């Protein structure tokens, strides 16, 4: 039971971080989370330790737990890793993606355009992540999917930060449409070019603090 409460707190806090309800640098109030979940503060603290190990939060000597800021070095490395993994996946996607998965990508684009229209950031972020997850699963490679799954939360947080910029969502969905067209044509070379451009532009969208950390 205690373990379930810890994971309930863990998922709740992580959700608020990767959807930017709590932004980098903001304080995490343990008592508020415990009250919201109707649990004691002990599983909340245990959840925060788990998230600290994942480098999503850190313990500040004066503030307590806060959402951790990602450094420019970390961002560059995450983008480099994502680029390498996604370029590796391209020929697998082109070869193995099914008609139903292509349909799911089309539906995803329609859905995100609706959310862009009413400025629903949480669902924009969710759809953005889902678009890429559909492609990851389309590789039909357990090794690839297991590898990238360990980084999905970080990728979603980075993606969310890019999505809060004014041009982020519209630019991204435009890229997704072009990527889908390349997938439908089974054009591996074109999809690789589009993946590289998509990630390069995403990296350019990050807002920086004067200290050189994100947000």
Protein backbone atom coordinates (compact mmCIF):
# COMPACT_ATOMS: atom_id res chain seq x y z
CA UNK A 1 0.00 0.00 0.00
CA UNK A 2 2.82 2.40 0.96
CA UNK A 3 4.58 1.62 -2.32
CA UNK A 4 1.40 2.42 -4.28
CA UNK A 5 1.09 5.77 -2.51
CA UNK A 6 4.70 6.60 -3.33
CA UNK A 7 4.18 5.85 -7.01
CA UNK A 8 0.90 7.77 -7.02
CA UNK A 9 2.77 10.82 -5.70
CA UNK A 10 5.63 10.18 -8.11
CA UNK A 11 3.35 10.11 -11.17
CA UNK A 12 1.44 13.18 -10.01
CA UNK A 13 4.54 15.30 -9.44
CA UNK A 14 6.23 14.11 -12.63
CA UNK A 15 3.09 14.94 -14.59
CA UNK A 16 3.08 18.51 -13.27
CA UNK A 17 6.74 18.88 -14.27
CA UNK A 18 6.69 17.46 -17.79
CA UNK A 19 3.51 19.35 -18.65
CA UNK A 20 5.01 22.56 -17.17
CA UNK A 21 2.34 23.09 -14.53
CA UNK A 22 5.45 23.47 -12.38
CA UNK A 23 8.23 25.21 -14.29
CA UNK A 24 12.00 24.91 -13.87
CA UNK A 25 13.12 26.74 -10.74
CA UNK A 26 9.72 26.64 -9.03
CA UNK A 27 9.30 25.28 -5.51
CA UNK A 28 7.45 22.04 -4.90
CA UNK A 29 5.13 22.24 -1.90
CA UNK A 30 5.02 18.82 -0.28
CA UNK A 31 2.09 19.64 2.00
CA UNK A 32 -0.08 20.79 -0.92
CA UNK A 33 0.60 17.61 -2.88
CA UNK A 34 -0.10 15.44 0.15
CA UNK A 35 -3.39 17.27 0.77
CA UNK A 36 -4.42 17.02 -2.88
CA UNK A 37 -3.74 13.26 -2.95
CA UNK A 38 -5.11 12.72 0.56
CA UNK A 39 -1.93 11.00 1.71
CA UNK A 40 0.77 11.72 4.27
CA UNK A 41 3.93 13.66 3.40
CA UNK A 42 6.13 10.55 3.71
CA UNK A 43 5.24 9.03 0.29
CA UNK A 44 5.52 12.51 -1.23
CA UNK A 45 9.08 12.85 0.10
CA UNK A 46 9.90 9.35 -1.17
CA UNK A 47 8.53 10.30 -4.59
CA UNK A 48 10.69 13.42 -4.62
CA UNK A 49 13.78 11.34 -3.92
CA UNK A 50 12.89 9.17 -6.92
CA UNK A 51 12.48 12.25 -9.09
CA UNK A 52 15.75 13.66 -7.77
CA UNK A 53 17.48 10.48 -8.91
CA UNK A 54 15.98 11.07 -12.36
CA UNK A 55 17.29 14.66 -12.26
CA UNK A 56 13.85 16.20 -12.63
CA UNK A 57 13.96 17.89 -9.22
CA UNK A 58 16.69 18.96 -6.82
CA UNK A 59 16.85 19.77 -3.12
CA UNK A 60 17.79 23.40 -2.50
CA UNK A 61 19.31 24.15 0.90
CA UNK A 62 16.99 27.11 1.52
CA UNK A 63 13.87 26.34 -0.54
CA UNK A 64 13.56 22.59 -0.24
CA UNK A 65 12.66 20.68 -3.40
CA UNK A 66 12.42 22.66 -6.62
CA UNK A 67 12.01 21.70 -10.27
CA UNK A 68 15.49 21.32 -11.68
CA UNK A 69 16.67 23.62 -14.47
CA UNK A 70 18.31 21.89 -17.42
CA UNK A 71 21.63 23.32 -18.51
CA UNK A 72 22.54 24.16 -22.08
CA UNK A 73 25.09 21.33 -22.06
CA UNK A 74 22.41 18.84 -21.02
CA UNK A 75 19.99 20.10 -23.64
CA UNK A 76 22.57 19.80 -26.40
CA UNK A 77 23.40 16.27 -25.32
CA UNK A 78 19.74 15.23 -25.16
CA UNK A 79 19.18 16.60 -28.65
CA UNK A 80 22.28 14.81 -29.94
CA UNK A 81 21.10 11.52 -28.44
CA UNK A 82 17.57 11.99 -29.74
CA UNK A 83 18.87 12.81 -33.21
CA UNK A 84 21.04 9.69 -33.29
CA UNK A 85 18.18 7.46 -32.11
CA UNK A 86 15.54 8.93 -34.41
CA UNK A 87 17.80 8.78 -37.48
CA UNK A 88 18.50 5.14 -36.61
CA UNK A 89 14.73 4.56 -36.47
CA UNK A 90 13.91 6.13 -39.85
CA UNK A 91 14.55 3.10 -42.10
CA UNK A 92 12.73 0.85 -39.63
CA UNK A 93 9.70 3.16 -39.64
CA UNK A 94 9.67 3.38 -43.44
CA UNK A 95 9.88 -0.40 -43.76
CA UNK A 96 7.57 -1.46 -40.95
CA UNK A 97 4.91 1.19 -40.30
CA UNK A 98 1.37 -0.08 -40.84
CA UNK A 99 -1.64 1.56 -42.44
CA UNK A 100 -3.31 1.84 -39.04
CA UNK A 101 -0.24 3.62 -37.61
CA UNK A 102 -0.22 6.06 -40.52
CA UNK A 103 -3.90 6.71 -39.85
CA UNK A 104 -3.05 7.32 -36.18
CA UNK A 105 -0.45 9.92 -37.23
CA UNK A 106 -3.06 11.66 -39.41
CA UNK A 107 -5.58 11.70 -36.58
CA UNK A 108 -2.93 13.03 -34.22
CA UNK A 109 -2.25 15.99 -36.53
CA UNK A 110 -5.96 16.78 -36.78
CA UNK A 111 -6.25 16.62 -33.01
CA UNK A 112 -3.27 18.87 -32.29
CA UNK A 113 -4.51 21.47 -34.79
CA UNK A 114 -7.74 21.65 -32.81
CA UNK A 115 -5.82 22.20 -29.58
CA UNK A 116 -3.60 24.84 -31.17
CA UNK A 117 -6.79 26.66 -32.18
CA UNK A 118 -7.95 26.95 -28.57
CA UNK A 119 -4.43 27.28 -27.09
CA UNK A 120 -4.70 24.10 -24.99
CA UNK A 121 -1.02 23.70 -24.10
CA UNK A 122 -1.32 20.51 -22.08
CA UNK A 123 -3.02 18.65 -24.92
CA UNK A 124 -0.66 20.16 -27.50
CA UNK A 125 2.27 18.72 -25.53
CA UNK A 126 0.50 15.38 -25.14
CA UNK A 127 -0.21 15.15 -28.87
CA UNK A 128 3.33 16.19 -29.77
CA UNK A 129 4.72 13.37 -27.66
CA UNK A 130 2.17 10.88 -28.98
CA UNK A 131 3.12 11.70 -32.61
CA UNK A 132 6.69 10.63 -31.95
CA UNK A 133 5.69 7.65 -29.81
CA UNK A 134 3.59 6.27 -32.67
CA UNK A 135 6.69 6.37 -34.84
CA UNK A 136 8.86 4.80 -32.14
CA UNK A 137 6.43 1.87 -31.83
CA UNK A 138 6.23 1.60 -35.63
CA UNK A 139 9.89 0.47 -35.69
CA UNK A 140 8.73 -2.87 -34.26
CA UNK A 141 12.11 -2.98 -32.51
CA UNK A 142 11.96 -3.89 -28.83
CA UNK A 143 15.57 -2.86 -28.33
CA UNK A 144 15.04 0.56 -29.89
CA UNK A 145 11.80 1.15 -28.00
CA UNK A 146 13.25 0.06 -24.65
CA UNK A 147 16.23 2.36 -25.20
CA UNK A 148 14.26 5.45 -26.14
CA UNK A 149 11.54 4.84 -23.54
CA UNK A 150 14.05 5.61 -20.80
CA UNK A 151 14.43 9.10 -22.24
CA UNK A 152 10.85 9.88 -23.21
CA UNK A 153 10.09 11.94 -20.08
CA UNK A 154 13.14 14.15 -20.65
CA UNK A 155 12.26 14.52 -24.33
CA UNK A 156 8.71 15.50 -23.40
CA UNK A 157 9.92 18.13 -20.93
CA UNK A 158 12.28 19.59 -23.53
CA UNK A 159 9.49 19.49 -26.12
CA UNK A 160 7.11 21.24 -23.71
CA UNK A 161 9.56 24.10 -23.17
CA UNK A 162 9.80 24.59 -26.94
CA UNK A 163 6.00 24.53 -27.22
CA UNK A 164 5.53 27.53 -24.91
CA UNK A 165 7.18 29.80 -27.48
CA UNK A 166 4.66 31.65 -29.70
CA UNK A 167 5.64 29.93 -32.96
CA UNK A 168 6.45 26.52 -31.47
CA UNK A 169 3.17 24.58 -31.90
CA UNK A 170 2.38 25.76 -35.44
CA UNK A 171 5.91 25.20 -36.68
CA UNK A 172 6.01 21.76 -35.13
CA UNK A 173 2.72 20.57 -36.62
CA UNK A 174 3.88 21.87 -40.01
CA UNK A 175 6.98 19.70 -39.68
CA UNK A 176 4.84 16.75 -38.65
CA UNK A 177 2.73 17.06 -41.79
CA UNK A 178 5.85 16.97 -43.94
CA UNK A 179 7.20 13.99 -42.03
CA UNK A 180 3.92 12.16 -42.50
CA UNK A 181 4.02 12.84 -46.24
CA UNK A 182 7.54 11.36 -46.40
CA UNK A 183 6.37 8.31 -44.45
CA UNK A 184 3.42 7.79 -46.80
CA UNK A 185 5.81 7.96 -49.78
CA UNK A 186 8.16 5.54 -47.99
CA UNK A 187 10.95 8.05 -48.60
CA UNK A 188 13.68 7.30 -46.07
CA UNK A 189 16.08 9.97 -47.33
CA UNK A 190 13.45 12.72 -47.14
CA UNK A 191 12.30 11.64 -43.67
CA UNK A 192 15.88 11.78 -42.38
CA UNK A 193 16.24 15.34 -43.70
CA UNK A 194 12.96 16.35 -42.06
CA UNK A 195 13.88 14.76 -38.71
CA UNK A 196 17.16 16.67 -38.66
CA UNK A 197 15.45 19.95 -39.54
CA UNK A 198 12.71 19.37 -36.94
CA UNK A 199 15.22 18.79 -34.15
CA UNK A 200 17.46 21.67 -35.23
CA UNK A 201 14.52 24.08 -35.14
CA UNK A 202 13.28 22.72 -31.81
CA UNK A 203 16.70 23.39 -30.30
CA UNK A 204 16.57 26.98 -31.54
CA UNK A 205 13.27 27.66 -29.77
CA UNK A 206 14.49 27.31 -26.19
CA UNK A 207 14.06 30.35 -23.92
CA UNK A 208 17.12 30.99 -21.77
CA UNK A 209 17.61 32.71 -18.44
CA UNK A 210 20.49 35.21 -18.00
CA UNK A 211 22.37 32.44 -16.18
CA UNK A 212 22.27 30.27 -19.27
CA UNK A 213 19.81 27.72 -17.90
CA UNK A 214 16.45 26.96 -19.43
CA UNK A 215 13.59 29.20 -18.34
